[in-house]
N, C-alpha and C. Protein backbone atom coordinates (compact mmCIF):
# COMPACT_ATOMS: atom_id res chain seq x y z
N MET A 1 70.72 90.44 107.44
CA MET A 1 69.96 91.54 107.87
C MET A 1 70.75 91.98 108.43
N PRO A 2 71.70 93.52 108.07
CA PRO A 2 72.51 94.40 108.98
C PRO A 2 71.06 94.88 110.14
N SER A 3 71.66 95.42 111.40
CA SER A 3 70.87 95.69 112.10
C SER A 3 70.04 96.78 112.14
N ASP A 4 71.26 97.99 111.57
CA ASP A 4 70.39 99.20 111.17
C ASP A 4 68.83 99.21 110.00
N LYS A 5 69.31 97.84 108.85
CA LYS A 5 68.17 98.15 108.11
C LYS A 5 67.01 97.62 108.71
N TYR A 6 67.46 96.33 109.89
CA TYR A 6 66.31 95.49 110.11
C TYR A 6 65.42 96.84 110.98
N GLU A 7 66.37 97.56 112.01
CA GLU A 7 65.32 98.73 112.74
C GLU A 7 64.38 99.71 111.89
N LYS A 8 65.03 99.98 110.66
CA LYS A 8 64.22 100.74 109.80
C LYS A 8 63.10 100.21 109.35
N LEU A 9 63.46 98.38 108.98
CA LEU A 9 61.61 97.93 108.48
C LEU A 9 61.13 97.26 109.47
N ARG A 10 61.24 97.64 110.91
CA ARG A 10 60.70 96.83 111.91
C ARG A 10 59.40 97.35 111.80
N PRO A 11 58.96 98.51 111.82
CA PRO A 11 57.71 98.79 111.29
C PRO A 11 57.00 98.22 110.51
N SER A 12 57.43 97.78 109.21
CA SER A 12 56.80 97.33 108.43
C SER A 12 57.11 95.56 108.31
N PHE A 13 57.46 95.05 109.54
CA PHE A 13 57.30 93.80 109.42
C PHE A 13 56.10 93.52 110.35
N GLN A 14 55.71 91.74 109.88
CA GLN A 14 54.71 91.46 110.65
C GLN A 14 55.23 90.15 110.90
N LEU A 15 55.21 89.46 112.31
CA LEU A 15 55.35 88.27 112.80
C LEU A 15 53.95 87.33 112.52
N VAL A 16 54.35 86.19 111.81
CA VAL A 16 52.99 85.10 111.52
C VAL A 16 53.60 84.01 111.64
N CYS A 17 52.27 83.17 112.10
CA CYS A 17 52.52 81.59 112.46
C CYS A 17 51.75 81.21 111.05
N LEU A 18 53.02 80.03 110.35
CA LEU A 18 52.53 79.24 109.42
C LEU A 18 52.51 78.24 109.64
N GLU A 19 51.18 77.36 108.89
CA GLU A 19 50.90 76.23 109.23
C GLU A 19 51.50 75.28 108.33
N ALA A 20 51.49 73.55 108.59
CA ALA A 20 52.43 73.10 107.39
C ALA A 20 50.98 72.84 106.31
N ASP A 21 51.57 72.84 105.05
CA ASP A 21 50.82 72.90 104.02
C ASP A 21 49.89 73.73 103.56
N GLN A 22 50.34 75.34 104.53
CA GLN A 22 49.44 75.91 104.01
C GLN A 22 50.15 76.67 102.66
N LEU A 23 49.38 77.29 101.52
CA LEU A 23 49.73 77.84 100.46
C LEU A 23 49.68 79.58 100.85
N ILE A 24 50.87 79.63 100.56
CA ILE A 24 51.49 81.25 100.39
C ILE A 24 50.87 82.20 99.21
N PHE A 25 51.40 81.43 97.80
CA PHE A 25 50.66 82.08 96.55
C PHE A 25 51.11 80.71 95.66
N ARG A 26 50.25 81.39 95.10
CA ARG A 26 50.15 79.99 93.68
C ARG A 26 50.94 80.54 92.71
N PRO A 27 51.00 80.01 91.60
CA PRO A 27 51.81 80.30 90.36
C PRO A 27 50.74 81.57 89.75
N HIS A 28 51.71 82.30 88.95
CA HIS A 28 51.10 83.80 88.19
C HIS A 28 50.18 84.14 88.65
N GLU A 29 50.16 84.23 90.35
CA GLU A 29 49.20 85.11 91.27
C GLU A 29 50.02 86.63 91.75
N ALA A 30 49.62 87.69 91.61
CA ALA A 30 50.38 88.93 91.87
C ALA A 30 49.90 88.89 93.47
N ILE A 31 51.54 88.65 93.78
CA ILE A 31 51.73 88.35 95.80
C ILE A 31 51.89 90.02 96.13
N GLN A 32 51.67 89.71 97.58
CA GLN A 32 51.45 91.16 98.14
C GLN A 32 52.81 91.68 99.27
N PHE A 33 53.25 90.24 99.56
CA PHE A 33 54.38 90.24 100.47
C PHE A 33 55.60 89.01 100.25
N VAL A 34 56.27 89.53 100.99
CA VAL A 34 57.65 88.93 100.89
C VAL A 34 57.91 88.48 102.14
N PHE A 35 58.29 86.92 102.44
CA PHE A 35 58.25 86.41 103.85
C PHE A 35 59.62 85.94 103.96
N PHE A 36 59.82 86.09 105.20
CA PHE A 36 61.69 85.74 105.67
C PHE A 36 61.24 84.66 107.03
N PRO A 37 61.31 83.64 106.73
CA PRO A 37 61.06 82.30 107.67
C PRO A 37 62.00 82.31 108.79
N VAL A 38 61.45 82.29 110.11
CA VAL A 38 62.25 82.60 111.23
C VAL A 38 62.44 80.51 111.88
N SER A 39 61.23 79.96 111.96
CA SER A 39 61.57 78.38 112.13
C SER A 39 60.89 78.00 111.26
N ALA A 40 59.93 78.52 110.30
CA ALA A 40 59.29 77.49 109.04
C ALA A 40 59.99 77.42 108.12
N ILE A 41 59.78 76.41 107.30
CA ILE A 41 60.11 76.32 105.76
C ILE A 41 59.35 76.15 104.81
N ILE A 42 59.71 76.70 103.98
CA ILE A 42 58.64 76.92 102.94
C ILE A 42 59.38 76.35 101.84
N ALA A 43 58.23 75.36 101.06
CA ALA A 43 58.95 75.02 99.53
C ALA A 43 58.45 75.59 98.21
N MET A 44 59.08 76.16 97.56
CA MET A 44 59.11 76.36 96.13
C MET A 44 58.75 75.46 95.27
N GLN A 45 57.39 75.51 94.75
CA GLN A 45 57.07 74.37 94.08
C GLN A 45 56.68 74.41 92.56
N ILE A 46 56.76 73.43 91.66
CA ILE A 46 55.96 73.57 90.27
C ILE A 46 55.23 72.48 90.18
N ASP A 47 54.20 72.95 89.15
CA ASP A 47 53.00 71.92 88.98
C ASP A 47 53.61 70.88 87.78
N ILE A 48 53.14 69.69 87.91
CA ILE A 48 53.09 68.50 87.49
C ILE A 48 51.95 67.96 86.74
N SER A 49 52.18 67.47 85.56
CA SER A 49 50.60 67.32 84.90
C SER A 49 49.63 66.31 85.30
N ASP A 50 49.89 65.35 86.22
CA ASP A 50 49.14 64.80 86.93
C ASP A 50 48.51 65.46 88.24
N GLY A 51 48.63 66.99 88.04
CA GLY A 51 47.85 67.21 89.04
C GLY A 51 48.59 67.53 90.32
N SER A 52 50.06 66.79 90.33
CA SER A 52 50.65 67.28 91.81
C SER A 52 51.54 68.29 91.87
N SER A 53 52.54 68.44 92.89
CA SER A 53 53.50 69.67 92.87
C SER A 53 54.47 68.94 93.15
N ALA A 54 55.64 69.43 92.68
CA ALA A 54 57.15 69.00 93.12
C ALA A 54 58.07 70.09 93.60
N ASP A 55 58.87 69.98 94.50
CA ASP A 55 59.44 70.80 95.17
C ASP A 55 60.99 71.53 94.67
N ILE A 56 61.13 72.41 94.09
CA ILE A 56 61.71 73.24 93.74
C ILE A 56 63.59 73.09 94.65
N VAL A 57 62.86 73.99 95.54
CA VAL A 57 64.02 74.23 96.66
C VAL A 57 62.85 74.32 97.84
N LEU A 58 63.87 74.26 98.98
CA LEU A 58 63.00 74.45 100.44
C LEU A 58 64.21 75.74 100.75
N ILE A 59 62.97 76.74 101.40
CA ILE A 59 63.67 78.10 102.04
C ILE A 59 63.53 78.51 103.63
N GLY A 60 64.09 78.53 104.40
CA GLY A 60 64.00 78.70 105.56
C GLY A 60 64.73 79.83 105.97
N LYS A 61 65.49 79.95 107.57
CA LYS A 61 65.38 80.96 107.86
C LYS A 61 66.99 81.56 107.32
N GLU A 62 67.40 81.02 106.35
CA GLU A 62 68.62 81.77 105.91
C GLU A 62 68.44 82.44 104.43
N GLY A 63 67.10 82.49 104.02
CA GLY A 63 66.55 83.12 102.72
C GLY A 63 65.31 83.78 103.02
N MET A 64 64.36 83.78 101.84
CA MET A 64 63.27 84.55 101.83
C MET A 64 62.45 84.30 100.53
N VAL A 65 61.48 84.47 100.82
CA VAL A 65 60.53 84.00 99.65
C VAL A 65 59.45 85.19 99.18
N GLY A 66 59.52 85.25 97.66
CA GLY A 66 58.66 86.25 97.02
C GLY A 66 59.90 86.74 96.78
N SER A 67 61.15 86.75 96.71
CA SER A 67 62.06 87.83 95.75
C SER A 67 62.52 88.09 94.70
N GLY A 68 61.75 86.91 94.09
CA GLY A 68 62.14 87.02 92.52
C GLY A 68 61.14 87.29 91.68
N VAL A 69 60.41 88.79 92.61
CA VAL A 69 59.48 89.38 91.71
C VAL A 69 60.11 91.23 91.75
N MET A 70 61.26 91.15 91.91
CA MET A 70 61.81 92.11 91.85
C MET A 70 61.42 93.34 90.59
N GLY A 71 61.20 92.65 89.53
CA GLY A 71 60.71 93.68 88.43
C GLY A 71 59.54 93.80 88.40
N GLY A 72 58.95 93.16 89.14
CA GLY A 72 57.21 93.15 89.09
C GLY A 72 56.41 92.60 90.11
N ASN A 73 55.38 91.72 90.57
CA ASN A 73 54.64 91.51 91.52
C ASN A 73 54.02 90.18 91.24
N GLN A 74 54.05 89.49 89.95
CA GLN A 74 53.75 88.18 89.63
C GLN A 74 54.80 87.22 89.75
N ASN A 75 54.18 86.05 90.66
CA ASN A 75 55.12 84.98 90.79
C ASN A 75 54.95 83.84 90.15
N PHE A 76 55.92 83.08 89.64
CA PHE A 76 55.97 82.17 88.80
C PHE A 76 56.17 80.53 88.98
N SER A 77 56.03 80.39 90.45
CA SER A 77 55.91 79.25 90.78
C SER A 77 55.09 79.18 92.38
N ARG A 78 54.66 77.91 92.57
CA ARG A 78 54.11 77.72 94.12
C ARG A 78 54.82 78.13 95.46
N ALA A 79 54.13 78.49 96.30
CA ALA A 79 54.55 78.67 97.64
C ALA A 79 53.69 78.24 98.57
N ARG A 80 54.42 77.12 99.32
CA ARG A 80 53.32 76.29 100.13
C ARG A 80 54.79 75.73 101.59
N VAL A 81 53.97 75.54 102.52
CA VAL A 81 54.68 75.47 103.97
C VAL A 81 54.93 74.07 103.92
N LYS A 82 55.99 73.64 104.25
CA LYS A 82 56.69 72.31 104.20
C LYS A 82 56.55 71.73 105.62
N PHE A 83 57.30 73.26 106.71
CA PHE A 83 57.33 72.64 108.03
C PHE A 83 56.89 73.70 108.77
N ALA A 84 55.80 73.83 109.62
CA ALA A 84 55.33 74.93 110.25
C ALA A 84 56.23 75.85 111.11
N GLY A 85 55.86 76.86 111.42
CA GLY A 85 56.69 77.76 112.18
C GLY A 85 56.22 79.41 112.13
N PHE A 86 57.38 79.85 112.44
CA PHE A 86 57.56 81.53 112.48
C PHE A 86 57.87 82.19 110.90
N ALA A 87 57.41 83.38 110.59
CA ALA A 87 57.71 84.02 109.69
C ALA A 87 57.28 85.39 109.65
N TYR A 88 58.57 86.29 109.12
CA TYR A 88 58.31 87.68 109.31
C TYR A 88 57.96 87.85 107.54
N LYS A 89 56.52 88.80 107.32
CA LYS A 89 56.26 89.34 105.94
C LYS A 89 56.52 90.53 106.30
N LEU A 90 56.90 90.91 104.44
CA LEU A 90 57.04 92.58 104.71
C LEU A 90 56.34 92.92 102.93
N PRO A 91 55.83 93.92 103.02
CA PRO A 91 55.06 94.36 101.69
C PRO A 91 55.67 94.38 100.58
N LEU A 92 55.22 93.67 100.00
CA LEU A 92 56.56 93.60 98.61
C LEU A 92 56.70 95.34 97.93
N SER A 93 55.76 96.32 98.12
CA SER A 93 56.36 97.40 97.73
C SER A 93 57.64 97.89 98.81
N VAL A 94 57.67 97.63 100.02
CA VAL A 94 58.59 98.16 100.58
C VAL A 94 59.51 97.44 100.62
N PHE A 95 59.63 96.13 100.37
CA PHE A 95 60.95 95.39 99.53
C PHE A 95 61.78 95.92 98.10
N GLN A 96 60.51 96.23 97.11
CA GLN A 96 61.14 96.82 96.27
C GLN A 96 61.84 97.90 96.18
N SER A 97 61.09 98.83 97.49
CA SER A 97 61.72 100.16 97.23
C SER A 97 62.96 100.09 97.64
N GLU A 98 62.90 98.92 98.80
CA GLU A 98 64.83 99.30 99.64
C GLU A 98 65.76 98.52 98.76
N LEU A 99 65.34 97.95 97.76
CA LEU A 99 66.02 97.09 96.40
C LEU A 99 66.56 98.49 95.88
N ALA A 100 65.88 99.26 95.45
CA ALA A 100 65.98 100.15 94.73
C ALA A 100 66.30 101.45 94.97
N GLN A 101 66.82 101.42 96.50
CA GLN A 101 67.56 102.60 97.08
C GLN A 101 68.73 102.39 97.77
N ASP A 102 68.66 101.03 97.83
CA ASP A 102 69.98 100.45 98.95
C ASP A 102 70.61 99.36 98.27
N SER A 103 71.87 99.74 98.12
CA SER A 103 72.86 98.81 96.92
C SER A 103 73.20 98.07 98.18
N GLY A 104 73.55 98.38 99.08
CA GLY A 104 73.58 96.96 100.18
C GLY A 104 73.17 96.11 100.67
N PHE A 105 71.62 96.35 100.42
CA PHE A 105 70.36 95.63 100.47
C PHE A 105 70.61 95.02 99.33
N LEU A 106 70.68 95.26 98.14
CA LEU A 106 70.62 94.74 96.85
C LEU A 106 71.38 93.25 97.16
N LYS A 107 72.29 94.08 97.39
CA LYS A 107 73.90 93.00 97.55
C LYS A 107 73.37 91.52 98.37
N ILE A 108 72.56 91.85 99.28
CA ILE A 108 71.96 90.78 100.30
C ILE A 108 70.85 89.97 99.43
N TRP A 109 70.30 90.76 98.61
CA TRP A 109 69.22 89.84 97.73
C TRP A 109 70.13 89.05 96.84
N MET A 110 70.92 89.74 96.30
CA MET A 110 71.87 88.89 95.20
C MET A 110 72.49 87.56 95.77
N ALA A 111 72.60 87.91 97.02
CA ALA A 111 73.94 86.91 97.57
C ALA A 111 72.65 85.87 97.72
N THR A 112 71.45 85.91 98.62
CA THR A 112 70.31 85.01 98.58
C THR A 112 70.05 84.38 97.67
N THR A 113 70.24 85.13 96.30
CA THR A 113 69.83 84.35 95.23
C THR A 113 70.19 83.45 94.58
N ARG A 114 71.91 83.89 94.62
CA ARG A 114 73.00 82.82 94.14
C ARG A 114 72.76 81.12 94.94
N GLN A 115 72.50 81.70 96.33
CA GLN A 115 72.37 80.51 97.22
C GLN A 115 71.49 79.50 97.29
N MET A 116 70.15 80.20 96.40
CA MET A 116 68.83 79.67 96.10
C MET A 116 69.08 78.69 94.68
N ILE A 117 69.92 79.57 94.04
CA ILE A 117 70.11 78.84 92.80
C ILE A 117 71.20 77.54 92.92
N LEU A 118 71.92 77.55 93.42
CA LEU A 118 73.24 76.48 93.94
C LEU A 118 72.06 75.55 94.94
N GLN A 119 71.28 75.74 95.77
CA GLN A 119 70.04 74.46 96.25
C GLN A 119 69.82 73.83 95.43
N ILE A 120 69.15 74.71 94.51
CA ILE A 120 68.33 74.20 93.36
C ILE A 120 69.37 72.89 92.56
N ALA A 121 70.39 73.18 92.01
CA ALA A 121 71.31 72.72 91.41
C ALA A 121 71.99 71.55 91.89
N MET A 122 72.38 71.60 93.26
CA MET A 122 73.00 70.82 93.73
C MET A 122 72.49 68.75 93.87
N PRO A 123 71.29 68.73 94.17
CA PRO A 123 70.47 67.65 94.27
C PRO A 123 70.87 67.00 93.15
N THR A 124 70.86 67.40 91.82
CA THR A 124 71.20 66.80 90.23
C THR A 124 72.66 66.29 90.63
N ILE A 125 73.59 67.17 91.16
CA ILE A 125 74.79 66.47 90.94
C ILE A 125 74.95 65.58 91.75
N CYS A 126 74.38 65.63 93.13
CA CYS A 126 74.55 64.94 94.40
C CYS A 126 74.08 63.27 94.05
N SER A 127 72.78 63.72 93.33
CA SER A 127 72.22 62.11 92.90
C SER A 127 72.91 61.09 91.81
N SER A 128 73.89 62.36 91.13
CA SER A 128 74.51 60.77 90.21
C SER A 128 76.08 60.80 90.43
N LYS A 129 76.47 61.06 91.82
CA LYS A 129 77.40 61.24 92.30
C LYS A 129 77.74 60.54 93.68
N HIS A 130 76.62 60.57 94.12
CA HIS A 130 76.83 60.24 95.89
C HIS A 130 75.55 58.83 96.09
N SER A 131 75.97 58.13 97.17
CA SER A 131 74.98 57.01 97.35
C SER A 131 73.55 57.52 97.81
N ASN A 132 72.46 56.87 98.10
CA ASN A 132 71.45 56.84 98.87
C ASN A 132 71.62 57.78 99.98
N GLU A 133 72.46 57.04 100.87
CA GLU A 133 72.56 57.10 102.24
C GLU A 133 73.41 58.57 102.27
N GLN A 134 74.03 59.16 101.45
CA GLN A 134 74.55 59.91 101.49
C GLN A 134 73.92 61.23 101.11
N GLN A 135 72.84 60.98 99.86
CA GLN A 135 71.65 61.95 99.44
C GLN A 135 70.66 62.24 100.68
N ILE A 136 70.53 61.23 101.26
CA ILE A 136 69.89 61.39 102.73
C ILE A 136 70.28 62.30 104.00
N VAL A 137 71.53 61.96 104.19
CA VAL A 137 72.04 62.67 105.16
C VAL A 137 72.42 64.29 104.69
N ARG A 138 72.62 64.95 103.54
CA ARG A 138 72.85 65.52 103.09
C ARG A 138 71.52 66.64 102.99
N TRP A 139 70.26 65.88 102.62
CA TRP A 139 69.16 66.43 103.06
C TRP A 139 68.59 66.83 103.97
N ILE A 140 68.82 65.82 105.09
CA ILE A 140 68.64 66.09 106.56
C ILE A 140 69.30 67.47 107.08
N MET A 141 70.70 67.22 106.87
CA MET A 141 71.43 68.35 107.38
C MET A 141 70.77 69.70 106.72
N ASN A 142 70.81 69.76 105.72
CA ASN A 142 70.67 71.18 104.44
C ASN A 142 68.85 71.84 105.24
N THR A 143 67.96 70.46 105.66
CA THR A 143 66.90 70.91 106.09
C THR A 143 66.88 71.63 107.45
N LEU A 144 67.49 70.76 108.25
CA LEU A 144 67.70 71.09 109.66
C LEU A 144 68.29 72.42 109.69
N ASP A 145 69.48 72.75 108.32
CA ASP A 145 69.78 74.16 108.84
C ASP A 145 68.91 75.38 108.34
N LYS A 146 68.09 74.91 107.66
CA LYS A 146 66.98 76.08 107.80
C LYS A 146 66.08 76.49 108.72
N THR A 147 65.99 75.78 109.76
CA THR A 147 64.96 75.88 110.82
C THR A 147 65.96 76.28 112.02
N GLN A 148 65.15 76.14 113.22
CA GLN A 148 65.66 76.15 114.30
C GLN A 148 65.27 74.73 115.46
N GLY A 149 66.23 74.21 116.13
CA GLY A 149 66.14 73.02 116.62
C GLY A 149 66.53 71.87 116.22
N HIS A 150 66.29 70.79 116.64
CA HIS A 150 66.81 69.22 115.75
C HIS A 150 65.64 68.42 115.59
N THR A 151 64.77 68.79 115.28
CA THR A 151 63.70 68.07 115.24
C THR A 151 62.88 68.04 113.73
N LEU A 152 62.91 67.45 112.87
CA LEU A 152 61.90 67.55 111.47
C LEU A 152 60.55 66.71 111.71
N GLN A 153 59.49 67.28 111.26
CA GLN A 153 58.25 66.51 110.80
C GLN A 153 58.08 65.58 109.86
N ILE A 154 58.60 64.78 109.62
CA ILE A 154 58.56 64.00 108.06
C ILE A 154 58.70 62.74 108.49
N THR A 155 57.98 61.94 107.23
CA THR A 155 58.07 60.62 106.99
C THR A 155 59.02 60.21 105.83
N HIS A 156 59.31 58.52 106.07
CA HIS A 156 60.33 58.12 105.36
C HIS A 156 59.66 58.69 103.68
N GLN A 157 58.41 58.64 103.80
CA GLN A 157 57.94 58.48 102.21
C GLN A 157 58.07 59.83 101.55
N ASP A 158 57.79 60.89 102.68
CA ASP A 158 58.42 62.41 102.53
C ASP A 158 59.40 62.69 101.71
N ILE A 159 60.79 61.95 102.67
CA ILE A 159 61.94 62.07 102.32
C ILE A 159 62.41 61.35 100.77
N ALA A 160 62.00 59.74 100.53
CA ALA A 160 62.02 59.48 99.59
C ALA A 160 61.27 60.23 98.09
N ASP A 161 60.24 60.68 98.53
CA ASP A 161 59.93 61.63 97.17
C ASP A 161 60.29 62.92 96.68
N THR A 162 61.16 63.23 97.81
CA THR A 162 61.83 64.68 97.60
C THR A 162 63.07 64.08 96.36
N LEU A 163 63.80 63.51 96.85
CA LEU A 163 64.96 62.79 96.46
C LEU A 163 64.61 61.65 95.07
N GLY A 164 63.58 61.21 95.20
CA GLY A 164 63.34 60.49 93.96
C GLY A 164 64.16 58.99 94.01
N ILE A 165 64.08 58.64 95.34
CA ILE A 165 64.96 57.38 95.80
C ILE A 165 63.59 56.38 96.30
N ARG A 166 63.97 55.25 96.62
CA ARG A 166 62.81 54.42 96.83
C ARG A 166 62.68 54.00 98.80
N ARG A 167 61.73 54.29 99.05
CA ARG A 167 61.23 54.63 100.44
C ARG A 167 62.04 53.22 101.04
N GLU A 168 62.30 52.24 100.87
CA GLU A 168 62.48 51.05 101.50
C GLU A 168 64.68 51.43 101.84
N SER A 169 64.93 52.47 100.79
CA SER A 169 66.39 52.67 100.97
C SER A 169 66.37 53.57 102.24
N VAL A 170 65.34 54.66 102.15
CA VAL A 170 65.40 55.46 103.57
C VAL A 170 64.97 55.15 104.76
N THR A 171 64.23 53.90 104.64
CA THR A 171 64.08 53.24 106.10
C THR A 171 65.20 52.03 106.65
N LEU A 172 66.11 51.94 104.99
CA LEU A 172 67.24 51.06 105.95
C LEU A 172 68.29 52.25 106.60
N THR A 173 68.32 53.37 105.77
CA THR A 173 69.40 54.58 106.40
C THR A 173 69.27 55.12 107.54
N ALA A 174 67.65 55.22 107.73
CA ALA A 174 67.10 55.63 109.03
C ALA A 174 67.51 54.82 109.72
N GLY A 175 67.19 53.49 109.72
CA GLY A 175 67.64 52.32 110.87
C GLY A 175 69.16 52.59 111.22
N LYS A 176 70.04 52.62 110.16
CA LYS A 176 71.57 52.49 110.39
C LYS A 176 71.76 53.78 111.03
N LEU A 177 71.31 55.00 111.02
CA LEU A 177 72.01 56.34 111.58
C LEU A 177 71.39 55.95 112.85
N SER A 178 69.96 55.57 112.96
CA SER A 178 69.60 55.53 114.47
C SER A 178 70.24 54.43 115.59
N HIS A 179 70.78 53.21 114.80
CA HIS A 179 71.74 52.09 115.49
C HIS A 179 72.87 52.96 115.59
N GLU A 180 73.47 53.46 115.05
CA GLU A 180 74.44 54.47 115.49
C GLU A 180 74.85 55.73 115.99
N GLY A 181 73.69 56.15 116.88
CA GLY A 181 72.83 57.13 117.86
C GLY A 181 73.13 58.61 117.13
N LEU A 182 72.95 58.40 115.52
CA LEU A 182 72.88 60.00 115.35
C LEU A 182 71.40 60.41 115.33
N ILE A 183 70.60 59.64 115.06
CA ILE A 183 69.14 60.09 114.99
C ILE A 183 68.48 59.67 115.67
N GLU A 184 67.06 59.91 116.27
CA GLU A 184 66.15 59.43 116.52
C GLU A 184 64.68 59.14 115.65
N VAL A 185 64.20 58.02 114.90
CA VAL A 185 63.19 58.18 114.25
C VAL A 185 61.97 57.52 114.90
N ARG A 186 60.41 58.73 114.98
CA ARG A 186 59.63 58.03 115.64
C ARG A 186 58.58 58.46 114.63
N ARG A 187 57.36 57.99 114.73
CA ARG A 187 56.18 58.32 113.74
C ARG A 187 56.20 59.66 113.05
N GLY A 188 56.70 59.63 112.13
CA GLY A 188 56.03 61.00 111.61
C GLY A 188 57.27 62.10 111.84
N GLN A 189 58.52 61.72 112.42
CA GLN A 189 59.12 62.56 113.45
C GLN A 189 60.41 61.86 113.21
N LEU A 190 61.71 62.83 112.75
CA LEU A 190 62.84 62.84 113.05
C LEU A 190 63.60 63.62 113.71
N GLU A 191 64.37 63.24 114.67
CA GLU A 191 65.12 63.90 115.40
C GLU A 191 66.38 63.88 115.69
N VAL A 192 67.33 64.64 115.20
CA VAL A 192 69.29 64.76 115.24
C VAL A 192 69.27 64.68 116.72
N LEU A 193 70.19 63.28 116.73
CA LEU A 193 70.86 63.57 118.58
C LEU A 193 72.36 64.18 118.34
N ASP A 194 73.23 63.73 117.47
CA ASP A 194 74.24 64.01 117.29
C ASP A 194 74.90 64.43 115.91
N ARG A 195 74.63 66.26 115.87
CA ARG A 195 74.78 66.81 114.54
C ARG A 195 76.00 66.71 113.96
N SER A 196 77.03 67.01 114.66
CA SER A 196 78.33 67.03 114.44
C SER A 196 78.43 65.45 113.66
N GLY A 197 77.99 64.23 114.49
CA GLY A 197 78.59 63.26 113.82
C GLY A 197 77.72 62.98 112.41
N LEU A 198 76.70 63.64 112.11
CA LEU A 198 75.68 63.03 111.04
C LEU A 198 76.57 63.88 110.34
N GLU A 199 76.99 65.23 110.40
CA GLU A 199 77.66 66.05 109.55
C GLU A 199 79.00 65.73 108.85
N ALA A 200 79.39 64.87 109.48
CA ALA A 200 80.61 63.96 109.19
C ALA A 200 80.44 63.13 107.70
N LYS A 201 79.27 62.47 108.00
CA LYS A 201 78.75 61.27 106.76
C LYS A 201 78.43 62.11 106.03
N ALA A 202 78.14 63.65 105.65
CA ALA A 202 77.70 64.12 104.97
C ALA A 202 78.59 64.37 103.81
N CYS A 203 77.99 64.33 102.51
CA CYS A 203 78.88 64.29 100.78
C CYS A 203 79.31 66.10 100.98
N GLU A 204 80.31 65.73 100.19
CA GLU A 204 81.14 67.09 99.54
C GLU A 204 79.76 67.94 99.17
N CYS A 205 78.96 67.77 98.73
CA CYS A 205 77.78 68.39 98.21
C CYS A 205 77.00 69.43 99.24
N TYR A 206 77.10 68.80 100.27
CA TYR A 206 76.78 69.44 101.87
C TYR A 206 77.92 70.82 102.16
N ARG A 207 79.00 70.61 101.82
CA ARG A 207 80.12 71.01 102.51
C ARG A 207 80.51 72.15 101.13
N ALA A 208 79.82 71.86 99.95
CA ALA A 208 80.10 73.09 99.03
C ALA A 208 79.00 73.98 99.25
N MET A 209 78.00 73.69 99.76
CA MET A 209 76.73 74.70 100.15
C MET A 209 76.67 75.41 101.22
N HIS A 210 78.20 75.05 102.28
CA HIS A 210 78.50 75.66 103.40
C HIS A 210 79.94 75.58 103.44
N PRO A 211 80.54 76.62 102.51
CA PRO A 211 81.96 76.97 102.56
C PRO A 211 82.86 76.75 103.86
N ALA A 212 81.86 77.26 104.78
CA ALA A 212 82.40 77.64 105.97
C ALA A 212 82.67 76.44 107.15
N LYS A 213 82.01 75.08 106.66
CA LYS A 213 82.30 74.03 107.26
C LYS A 213 82.91 73.13 106.48
N LYS A 214 83.86 73.48 105.27
CA LYS A 214 84.70 72.76 104.72
C LYS A 214 85.87 72.24 105.42
N HIS A 215 86.10 71.12 105.50
CA HIS A 215 87.19 70.97 106.65
C HIS A 215 88.36 69.06 105.67
């Protein structure tokens, strides 16, 4: 967001601390705020018939949550905090007013929306073309890019469920990456020790989502 736009909106922003698993809004619920994560990561989810929810996309510092309600105030998916942290929230009415008045702000929203669509589509391509290890590395790198720092509060089972692969595959890959000195895994926590080294193992799907990193 351009600095002049931030200064204009600053009185309307509120910095909030979001806890893991906190529900931001439910499907078909009228929402009042859009969220701009700073260190938190928020999952957009859909409900499954067995009563569970599945992640559609993770949104961190690169995007905003609730921007899909440009034409109204009703959201069609669930938003739940995946990783605790801070975010700025902005009244939906202010956000929609700026979109209507400022073409530059509209372009930012459109670019964010395009990136979110790419994030939703890419895992399908990656799962059909690349190994479990490459998918896991891509997921770690993408998730790390959405927050600050080098540590994710995540379990092997969480990663397996997200990618739709076996937990044993995650455990084997995590052990291999740990042996190579790229990550350190503790109970419920994954720390990236060598970000550039891990990025070198990422498949082309990761670089397709980050054109500046292509090499």
